[in-house]
């Protein structure tokens, strides 16, 4: 497969220096930019999937009328959080 390029972008010299300062040993600016673009694409793909799942869930809930009150959900989450904190506190002793 033939490769192609991503359009170059103009940045202020200070920003380029800032980016270069965080490069890993042996990493090129091109490698960093490619990795960053790939991470951005993956993040956006995951966001789109998350939103799609939420919309399907909303539609299913509207269809079935099977709702769970927000206070119930928050209460359950709070109990889980409290239990996890208790477990962690016991491990720390």
PDB file of N, CA and C in Angstrom:
ATOM      1  N   UNK A   1       0.852  -1.175   0.000  1.00  0.00           N
ATOM      2  CA  UNK A   1       0.000   0.000   0.000  1.00  0.00           C
ATOM      3  C   UNK A   1       0.894   1.232   0.000  1.00  0.00           C
ATOM      4  N   UNK A   2       0.567   2.170  -0.847  1.00  0.00           N
ATOM      5  CA  UNK A   2       1.314   3.408  -0.934  1.00  0.00           C
ATOM      6  C   UNK A   2       0.902   4.331   0.216  1.00  0.00           C
ATOM      7  N   UNK A   3       1.871   4.970   0.845  1.00  0.00           N
ATOM      8  CA  UNK A   3       1.568   5.883   1.948  1.00  0.00           C
ATOM      9  C   UNK A   3       1.287   7.270   1.414  1.00  0.00           C
ATOM     10  N   UNK A   4       0.704   8.080   2.260  1.00  0.00           N
ATOM     11  CA  UNK A   4       0.412   9.466   1.919  1.00  0.00           C
ATOM     12  C   UNK A   4       0.808  10.333   3.101  1.00  0.00           C
ATOM     13  N   UNK A   5       0.679  11.621   2.959  1.00  0.00           N
ATOM     14  CA  UNK A   5       1.073  12.529   4.035  1.00  0.00           C
ATOM     15  C   UNK A   5      -0.134  13.216   4.629  1.00  0.00           C
ATOM     16  N   UNK A   6       0.047  13.638   5.870  1.00  0.00           N
ATOM     17  CA  UNK A   6      -0.943  14.486   6.540  1.00  0.00           C
ATOM     18  C   UNK A   6      -0.487  15.923   6.308  1.00  0.00           C
ATOM     19  N   UNK A   7      -1.408  16.820   6.038  1.00  0.00           N
ATOM     20  CA  UNK A   7      -0.987  18.201   5.767  1.00  0.00           C
ATOM     21  C   UNK A   7      -0.133  18.769   6.903  1.00  0.00           C
ATOM     22  N   UNK A   8       0.893  19.495   6.511  1.00  0.00           N
ATOM     23  CA  UNK A   8       1.726  20.156   7.517  1.00  0.00           C
ATOM     24  C   UNK A   8       0.945  21.326   8.108  1.00  0.00           C
ATOM     25  N   UNK A   9       1.326  21.689   9.303  1.00  0.00           N
ATOM     26  CA  UNK A   9       0.650  22.810   9.959  1.00  0.00           C
ATOM     27  C   UNK A   9       1.687  23.831  10.410  1.00  0.00           C
ATOM     28  N   UNK A  10       1.309  25.062  10.403  1.00  0.00           N
ATOM     29  CA  UNK A  10       2.193  26.125  10.867  1.00  0.00           C
ATOM     30  C   UNK A  10       1.908  26.378  12.334  1.00  0.00           C
ATOM     31  N   UNK A  11       2.973  26.454  13.115  1.00  0.00           N
ATOM     32  CA  UNK A  11       2.846  26.752  14.543  1.00  0.00           C
ATOM     33  C   UNK A  11       3.892  27.795  14.917  1.00  0.00           C
ATOM     34  N   UNK A  12       3.662  28.422  16.047  1.00  0.00           N
ATOM     35  CA  UNK A  12       4.634  29.385  16.551  1.00  0.00           C
ATOM     36  C   UNK A  12       5.912  28.645  16.948  1.00  0.00           C
ATOM     37  N   UNK A  13       7.062  29.269  16.771  1.00  0.00           N
ATOM     38  CA  UNK A  13       8.325  28.616  17.144  1.00  0.00           C
ATOM     39  C   UNK A  13       8.353  28.149  18.597  1.00  0.00           C
ATOM     40  N   UNK A  14       7.749  28.919  19.495  1.00  0.00           N
ATOM     41  CA  UNK A  14       7.727  28.529  20.911  1.00  0.00           C
ATOM     42  C   UNK A  14       6.969  27.214  21.108  1.00  0.00           C
ATOM     43  N   UNK A  15       5.864  27.044  20.383  1.00  0.00           N
ATOM     44  CA  UNK A  15       5.099  25.800  20.519  1.00  0.00           C
ATOM     45  C   UNK A  15       5.876  24.619  19.953  1.00  0.00           C
ATOM     46  N   UNK A  16       6.535  24.826  18.822  1.00  0.00           N
ATOM     47  CA  UNK A  16       7.349  23.737  18.260  1.00  0.00           C
ATOM     48  C   UNK A  16       8.426  23.330  19.257  1.00  0.00           C
ATOM     49  N   UNK A  17       9.070  24.302  19.885  1.00  0.00           N
ATOM     50  CA  UNK A  17      10.101  23.992  20.874  1.00  0.00           C
ATOM     51  C   UNK A  17       9.504  23.230  22.051  1.00  0.00           C
ATOM     52  N   UNK A  18       8.293  23.605  22.450  1.00  0.00           N
ATOM     53  CA  UNK A  18       7.611  22.916  23.548  1.00  0.00           C
ATOM     54  C   UNK A  18       7.324  21.457  23.176  1.00  0.00           C
ATOM     55  N   UNK A  19       6.879  21.237  21.950  1.00  0.00           N
ATOM     56  CA  UNK A  19       6.614  19.879  21.485  1.00  0.00           C
ATOM     57  C   UNK A  19       7.916  19.083  21.437  1.00  0.00           C
ATOM     58  N   UNK A  20       8.938  19.652  20.879  1.00  0.00           N
ATOM     59  CA  UNK A  20      10.222  18.957  20.775  1.00  0.00           C
ATOM     60  C   UNK A  20      10.788  18.615  22.152  1.00  0.00           C
ATOM     61  N   UNK A  21      10.477  19.440  23.143  1.00  0.00           N
ATOM     62  CA  UNK A  21      10.989  19.219  24.497  1.00  0.00           C
ATOM     63  C   UNK A  21      10.371  17.976  25.151  1.00  0.00           C
ATOM     64  N   UNK A  22       9.221  17.549  24.670  1.00  0.00           N
ATOM     65  CA  UNK A  22       8.566  16.388  25.285  1.00  0.00           C
ATOM     66  C   UNK A  22       8.745  15.104  24.477  1.00  0.00           C
ATOM     67  N   UNK A  23       9.503  15.154  23.419  1.00  0.00           N
ATOM     68  CA  UNK A  23       9.742  13.949  22.623  1.00  0.00           C
ATOM     69  C   UNK A  23      10.522  12.932  23.446  1.00  0.00           C
ATOM     70  N   UNK A  24      10.159  11.673  23.274  1.00  0.00           N
ATOM     71  CA  UNK A  24      10.903  10.595  23.931  1.00  0.00           C
ATOM     72  C   UNK A  24      12.259  10.464  23.246  1.00  0.00           C
ATOM     73  N   UNK A  25      13.185   9.840  23.934  1.00  0.00           N
ATOM     74  CA  UNK A  25      14.516   9.657  23.364  1.00  0.00           C
ATOM     75  C   UNK A  25      14.406   8.876  22.063  1.00  0.00           C
ATOM     76  N   UNK A  26      14.982   9.414  21.002  1.00  0.00           N
ATOM     77  CA  UNK A  26      14.954   8.770  19.698  1.00  0.00           C
ATOM     78  C   UNK A  26      13.677   8.994  18.903  1.00  0.00           C
ATOM     79  N   UNK A  27      12.699   9.648  19.496  1.00  0.00           N
ATOM     80  CA  UNK A  27      11.427   9.897  18.807  1.00  0.00           C
ATOM     81  C   UNK A  27      11.563  11.130  17.926  1.00  0.00           C
ATOM     82  N   UNK A  28      11.021  11.035  16.730  1.00  0.00           N
ATOM     83  CA  UNK A  28      11.036  12.190  15.834  1.00  0.00           C
ATOM     84  C   UNK A  28       9.742  12.978  15.981  1.00  0.00           C
ATOM     85  N   UNK A  29       9.805  14.203  15.506  1.00  0.00           N
ATOM     86  CA  UNK A  29       8.609  15.040  15.528  1.00  0.00           C
ATOM     87  C   UNK A  29       7.507  14.401  14.679  1.00  0.00           C
ATOM     88  N   UNK A  30       7.875  13.810  13.560  1.00  0.00           N
ATOM     89  CA  UNK A  30       6.889  13.140  12.700  1.00  0.00           C
ATOM     90  C   UNK A  30       6.228  11.972  13.417  1.00  0.00           C
ATOM     91  N   UNK A  31       7.022  11.198  14.146  1.00  0.00           N
ATOM     92  CA  UNK A  31       6.457  10.069  14.898  1.00  0.00           C
ATOM     93  C   UNK A  31       5.497  10.572  15.968  1.00  0.00           C
ATOM     94  N   UNK A  32       5.881  11.648  16.645  1.00  0.00           N
ATOM     95  CA  UNK A  32       5.020  12.221  17.683  1.00  0.00           C
ATOM     96  C   UNK A  32       3.705  12.708  17.078  1.00  0.00           C
ATOM     97  N   UNK A  33       3.788  13.412  15.957  1.00  0.00           N
ATOM     98  CA  UNK A  33       2.580  13.931  15.311  1.00  0.00           C
ATOM     99  C   UNK A  33       1.688  12.779  14.864  1.00  0.00           C
ATOM    100  N   UNK A  34       2.266  11.738  14.267  1.00  0.00           N
ATOM    101  CA  UNK A  34       1.465  10.595  13.833  1.00  0.00           C
ATOM    102  C   UNK A  34       0.776   9.933  15.027  1.00  0.00           C
ATOM    103  N   UNK A  35       1.529   9.711  16.111  1.00  0.00           N
ATOM    104  CA  UNK A  35       0.949   9.087  17.301  1.00  0.00           C
ATOM    105  C   UNK A  35      -0.173   9.951  17.870  1.00  0.00           C
ATOM    106  N   UNK A  36       0.029  11.253  17.862  1.00  0.00           N
ATOM    107  CA  UNK A  36      -0.994  12.166  18.389  1.00  0.00           C
ATOM    108  C   UNK A  36      -2.253  12.145  17.534  1.00  0.00           C
ATOM    109  N   UNK A  37      -2.080  12.124  16.230  1.00  0.00           N
ATOM    110  CA  UNK A  37      -3.236  12.076  15.325  1.00  0.00           C
ATOM    111  C   UNK A  37      -3.973  10.751  15.499  1.00  0.00           C
ATOM    112  N   UNK A  38      -3.214   9.644  15.594  1.00  0.00           N
ATOM    113  CA  UNK A  38      -3.850   8.340  15.799  1.00  0.00           C
ATOM    114  C   UNK A  38      -4.643   8.326  17.108  1.00  0.00           C
ATOM    115  N   UNK A  39      -4.055   8.885  18.174  1.00  0.00           N
ATOM    116  CA  UNK A  39      -4.750   8.931  19.465  1.00  0.00           C
ATOM    117  C   UNK A  39      -6.011   9.784  19.366  1.00  0.00           C
ATOM    118  N   UNK A  40      -5.939  10.890  18.646  1.00  0.00           N
ATOM    119  CA  UNK A  40      -7.107  11.743  18.463  1.00  0.00           C
ATOM    120  C   UNK A  40      -8.209  11.045  17.689  1.00  0.00           C
ATOM    121  N   UNK A  41      -7.824  10.317  16.647  1.00  0.00           N
ATOM    122  CA  UNK A  41      -8.807   9.559  15.862  1.00  0.00           C
ATOM    123  C   UNK A  41      -9.467   8.504  16.739  1.00  0.00           C
ATOM    124  N   UNK A  42      -8.659   7.758  17.521  1.00  0.00           N
ATOM    125  CA  UNK A  42      -9.211   6.720  18.399  1.00  0.00           C
ATOM    126  C   UNK A  42     -10.157   7.326  19.435  1.00  0.00           C
ATOM    127  N   UNK A  43      -9.755   8.458  20.016  1.00  0.00           N
ATOM    128  CA  UNK A  43     -10.614   9.120  21.015  1.00  0.00           C
ATOM    129  C   UNK A  43     -11.949   9.523  20.398  1.00  0.00           C
ATOM    130  N   UNK A  44     -11.911  10.083  19.201  1.00  0.00           N
ATOM    131  CA  UNK A  44     -13.158  10.498  18.547  1.00  0.00           C
ATOM    132  C   UNK A  44     -14.021   9.301  18.163  1.00  0.00           C
ATOM    133  N   UNK A  45     -13.379   8.199  17.732  1.00  0.00           N
ATOM    134  CA  UNK A  45     -14.129   6.983  17.408  1.00  0.00           C
ATOM    135  C   UNK A  45     -14.829   6.453  18.648  1.00  0.00           C
ATOM    136  N   UNK A  46     -14.103   6.442  19.770  1.00  0.00           N
ATOM    137  CA  UNK A  46     -14.688   5.966  21.023  1.00  0.00           C
ATOM    138  C   UNK A  46     -15.822   6.890  21.477  1.00  0.00           C
ATOM    139  N   UNK A  47     -15.652   8.193  21.311  1.00  0.00           N
ATOM    140  CA  UNK A  47     -16.719   9.136  21.655  1.00  0.00           C
ATOM    141  C   UNK A  47     -17.964   8.859  20.825  1.00  0.00           C
ATOM    142  N   UNK A  48     -17.771   8.665  19.526  1.00  0.00           N
ATOM    143  CA  UNK A  48     -18.917   8.413  18.635  1.00  0.00           C
ATOM    144  C   UNK A  48     -19.627   7.124  19.036  1.00  0.00           C
ATOM    145  N   UNK A  49     -18.868   6.085  19.368  1.00  0.00           N
ATOM    146  CA  UNK A  49     -19.477   4.826  19.800  1.00  0.00           C
ATOM    147  C   UNK A  49     -20.216   5.004  21.121  1.00  0.00           C
ATOM    148  N   UNK A  50     -19.638   5.768  22.037  1.00  0.00           N
ATOM    149  CA  UNK A  50     -20.274   6.031  23.332  1.00  0.00           C
ATOM    150  C   UNK A  50     -21.605   6.755  23.133  1.00  0.00           C
ATOM    151  N   UNK A  51     -21.590   7.763  22.287  1.00  0.00           N
ATOM    152  CA  UNK A  51     -22.819   8.520  22.028  1.00  0.00           C
ATOM    153  C   UNK A  51     -23.858   7.631  21.359  1.00  0.00           C
ATOM    154  N   UNK A  52     -23.423   6.813  20.409  1.00  0.00           N
ATOM    155  CA  UNK A  52     -24.360   5.912  19.729  1.00  0.00           C
ATOM    156  C   UNK A  52     -24.989   4.935  20.722  1.00  0.00           C
ATOM    157  N   UNK A  53     -24.176   4.376  21.659  1.00  0.00           N
ATOM    158  CA  UNK A  53     -24.730   3.461  22.670  1.00  0.00           C
ATOM    159  C   UNK A  53     -25.733   4.200  23.554  1.00  0.00           C
ATOM    160  N   UNK A  54     -25.401   5.419  23.927  1.00  0.00           N
ATOM    161  CA  UNK A  54     -26.307   6.203  24.762  1.00  0.00           C
ATOM    162  C   UNK A  54     -27.631   6.479  24.066  1.00  0.00           C
ATOM    163  N   UNK A  55     -27.560   6.829  22.792  1.00  0.00           N
ATOM    164  CA  UNK A  55     -28.790   7.097  22.042  1.00  0.00           C
ATOM    165  C   UNK A  55     -29.629   5.834  21.873  1.00  0.00           C
ATOM    166  N   UNK A  56     -28.952   4.695  21.625  1.00  0.00           N
ATOM    167  CA  UNK A  56     -29.706   3.425  21.532  1.00  0.00           C
ATOM    168  C   UNK A  56     -30.366   3.102  22.870  1.00  0.00           C
ATOM    169  N   UNK A  57     -29.643   3.318  23.944  1.00  0.00           N
ATOM    170  CA  UNK A  57     -30.185   3.057  25.279  1.00  0.00           C
ATOM    171  C   UNK A  57     -31.379   3.971  25.556  1.00  0.00           C
ATOM    172  N   UNK A  58     -31.230   5.234  25.199  1.00  0.00           N
ATOM    173  CA  UNK A  58     -32.341   6.172  25.374  1.00  0.00           C
ATOM    174  C   UNK A  58     -33.563   5.717  24.597  1.00  0.00           C
ATOM    175  N   UNK A  59     -33.345   5.341  23.343  1.00  0.00           N
ATOM    176  CA  UNK A  59     -34.464   4.907  22.504  1.00  0.00           C
ATOM    177  C   UNK A  59     -35.126   3.647  23.062  1.00  0.00           C
ATOM    178  N   UNK A  60     -34.305   2.705  23.529  1.00  0.00           N
ATOM    179  CA  UNK A  60     -34.841   1.469  24.109  1.00  0.00           C
ATOM    180  C   UNK A  60     -35.636   1.781  25.382  1.00  0.00           C
ATOM    181  N   UNK A  61     -35.125   2.687  26.183  1.00  0.00           N
ATOM    182  CA  UNK A  61     -35.825   3.055  27.413  1.00  0.00           C
ATOM    183  C   UNK A  61     -37.160   3.719  27.097  1.00  0.00           C
ATOM    184  N   UNK A  62     -37.158   4.594  26.110  1.00  0.00           N
ATOM    185  CA  UNK A  62     -38.410   5.227  25.709  1.00  0.00           C
ATOM    186  C   UNK A  62     -39.397   4.187  25.181  1.00  0.00           C
ATOM    187  N   UNK A  63     -38.880   3.219  24.429  1.00  0.00           N
ATOM    188  CA  UNK A  63     -39.739   2.185  23.851  1.00  0.00           C
ATOM    189  C   UNK A  63     -40.363   1.311  24.941  1.00  0.00           C
ATOM    190  N   UNK A  64     -39.553   0.918  25.938  1.00  0.00           N
ATOM    191  CA  UNK A  64     -40.041   0.000  26.972  1.00  0.00           C
ATOM    192  C   UNK A  64     -40.654   0.708  28.171  1.00  0.00           C
ATOM    193  N   UNK A  65     -40.290   1.967  28.365  1.00  0.00           N
ATOM    194  CA  UNK A  65     -40.765   2.687  29.547  1.00  0.00           C
ATOM    195  C   UNK A  65     -40.078   2.232  30.826  1.00  0.00           C
ATOM    196  N   UNK A  66     -38.988   1.484  30.700  1.00  0.00           N
ATOM    197  CA  UNK A  66     -38.263   0.930  31.843  1.00  0.00           C
ATOM    198  C   UNK A  66     -37.158   1.902  32.271  1.00  0.00           C
ATOM    199  N   UNK A  67     -37.544   2.849  33.123  1.00  0.00           N
ATOM    200  CA  UNK A  67     -36.614   3.876  33.599  1.00  0.00           C
ATOM    201  C   UNK A  67     -36.123   3.541  35.005  1.00  0.00           C
ATOM    202  N   UNK A  68     -34.917   4.007  35.324  1.00  0.00           N
ATOM    203  CA  UNK A  68     -34.408   3.926  36.689  1.00  0.00           C
ATOM    204  C   UNK A  68     -34.179   5.358  37.143  1.00  0.00           C
ATOM    205  N   UNK A  69     -34.733   5.708  38.266  1.00  0.00           N
ATOM    206  CA  UNK A  69     -34.623   7.060  38.791  1.00  0.00           C
ATOM    207  C   UNK A  69     -33.154   7.419  39.026  1.00  0.00           C
ATOM    208  N   UNK A  70     -32.775   8.629  38.690  1.00  0.00           N
ATOM    209  CA  UNK A  70     -31.388   9.080  38.835  1.00  0.00           C
ATOM    210  C   UNK A  70     -30.914   8.979  40.279  1.00  0.00           C
ATOM    211  N   UNK A  71     -31.774   9.271  41.238  1.00  0.00           N
ATOM    212  CA  UNK A  71     -31.374   9.180  42.647  1.00  0.00           C
ATOM    213  C   UNK A  71     -31.019   7.745  43.038  1.00  0.00           C
ATOM    214  N   UNK A  72     -31.708   6.783  42.457  1.00  0.00           N
ATOM    215  CA  UNK A  72     -31.404   5.370  42.732  1.00  0.00           C
ATOM    216  C   UNK A  72     -30.028   5.025  42.169  1.00  0.00           C
ATOM    217  N   UNK A  73     -29.773   5.440  40.941  1.00  0.00           N
ATOM    218  CA  UNK A  73     -28.477   5.167  40.311  1.00  0.00           C
ATOM    219  C   UNK A  73     -27.355   5.818  41.110  1.00  0.00           C
ATOM    220  N   UNK A  74     -27.534   7.081  41.461  1.00  0.00           N
ATOM    221  CA  UNK A  74     -26.500   7.786  42.224  1.00  0.00           C
ATOM    222  C   UNK A  74     -26.284   7.147  43.590  1.00  0.00           C
ATOM    223  N   UNK A  75     -27.345   6.707  44.222  1.00  0.00           N
ATOM    224  CA  UNK A  75     -27.219   6.033  45.511  1.00  0.00           C
ATOM    225  C   UNK A  75     -26.425   4.745  45.394  1.00  0.00           C
ATOM    226  N   UNK A  76     -26.703   3.963  44.353  1.00  0.00           N
ATOM    227  CA  UNK A  76     -25.953   2.722  44.126  1.00  0.00           C
ATOM    228  C   UNK A  76     -24.476   3.005  43.861  1.00  0.00           C
ATOM    229  N   UNK A  77     -24.208   4.017  43.061  1.00  0.00           N
ATOM    230  CA  UNK A  77     -22.817   4.377  42.788  1.00  0.00           C
ATOM    231  C   UNK A  77     -22.106   4.843  44.060  1.00  0.00           C
ATOM    232  N   UNK A  78     -22.805   5.614  44.884  1.00  0.00           N
ATOM    233  CA  UNK A  78     -22.207   6.090  46.127  1.00  0.00           C
ATOM    234  C   UNK A  78     -21.870   4.923  47.055  1.00  0.00           C
ATOM    235  N   UNK A  79     -22.755   3.948  47.139  1.00  0.00           N
ATOM    236  CA  UNK A  79     -22.477   2.769  47.972  1.00  0.00           C
ATOM    237  C   UNK A  79     -21.249   2.008  47.454  1.00  0.00           C
ATOM    238  N   UNK A  80     -21.134   1.867  46.143  1.00  0.00           N
ATOM    239  CA  UNK A  80     -19.967   1.199  45.572  1.00  0.00           C
ATOM    240  C   UNK A  80     -18.688   1.980  45.873  1.00  0.00           C
ATOM    241  N   UNK A  81     -18.756   3.282  45.752  1.00  0.00           N
ATOM    242  CA  UNK A  81     -17.600   4.121  46.052  1.00  0.00           C
ATOM    243  C   UNK A  81     -17.208   4.008  47.517  1.00  0.00           C
ATOM    244  N   UNK A  82     -18.190   4.058  48.397  1.00  0.00           N
ATOM    245  CA  UNK A  82     -17.913   3.929  49.834  1.00  0.00           C
ATOM    246  C   UNK A  82     -17.283   2.581  50.150  1.00  0.00           C
ATOM    247  N   UNK A  83     -17.789   1.513  49.537  1.00  0.00           N
ATOM    248  CA  UNK A  83     -17.246   0.173  49.773  1.00  0.00           C
ATOM    249  C   UNK A  83     -15.808   0.082  49.274  1.00  0.00           C
ATOM    250  N   UNK A  84     -15.529   0.656  48.122  1.00  0.00           N
ATOM    251  CA  UNK A  84     -14.172   0.634  47.585  1.00  0.00           C
ATOM    252  C   UNK A  84     -13.221   1.420  48.490  1.00  0.00           C
ATOM    253  N   UNK A  85     -13.674   2.548  48.981  1.00  0.00           N
ATOM    254  CA  UNK A  85     -12.828   3.339  49.891  1.00  0.00           C
ATOM    255  C   UNK A  85     -12.559   2.577  51.177  1.00  0.00           C
ATOM    256  N   UNK A  86     -13.560   1.876  51.669  1.00  0.00           N
ATOM    257  CA  UNK A  86     -13.390   1.087  52.888  1.00  0.00           C
ATOM    258  C   UNK A  86     -12.363  -0.026  52.656  1.00  0.00           C
ATOM    259  N   UNK A  87     -12.473  -0.711  51.512  1.00  0.00           N
ATOM    260  CA  UNK A  87     -11.502  -1.771  51.182  1.00  0.00           C
ATOM    261  C   UNK A  87     -10.097  -1.220  51.094  1.00  0.00           C
ATOM    262  N   UNK A  88      -9.950  -0.070  50.445  1.00  0.00           N
ATOM    263  CA  UNK A  88      -8.628   0.539  50.314  1.00  0.00           C
ATOM    264  C   UNK A  88      -8.057   0.973  51.663  1.00  0.00           C
ATOM    265  N   UNK A  89      -8.926   1.499  52.510  1.00  0.00           N
ATOM    266  CA  UNK A  89      -8.475   1.922  53.838  1.00  0.00           C
ATOM    267  C   UNK A  89      -8.001   0.720  54.659  1.00  0.00           C
ATOM    268  N   UNK A  90      -8.681  -0.421  54.524  1.00  0.00           N
ATOM    269  CA  UNK A  90      -8.278  -1.633  55.251  1.00  0.00           C
ATOM    270  C   UNK A  90      -6.953  -2.166  54.719  1.00  0.00           C
ATOM    271  N   UNK A  91      -6.729  -2.070  53.410  1.00  0.00           N
ATOM    272  CA  UNK A  91      -5.464  -2.542  52.824  1.00  0.00           C
ATOM    273  C   UNK A  91      -4.301  -1.671  53.271  1.00  0.00           C
ATOM    274  N   UNK A  92      -4.578  -0.398  53.489  1.00  0.00           N
ATOM    275  CA  UNK A  92      -3.522   0.545  53.865  1.00  0.00           C
ATOM    276  C   UNK A  92      -3.063   0.392  55.292  1.00  0.00           C
ATOM    277  N   UNK A  93      -3.789  -0.349  56.107  1.00  0.00           N
ATOM    278  CA  UNK A  93      -3.434  -0.474  57.532  1.00  0.00           C
ATOM    279  C   UNK A  93      -2.392  -1.521  57.742  1.00  0.00           C
TER     280      UNK A  93
END
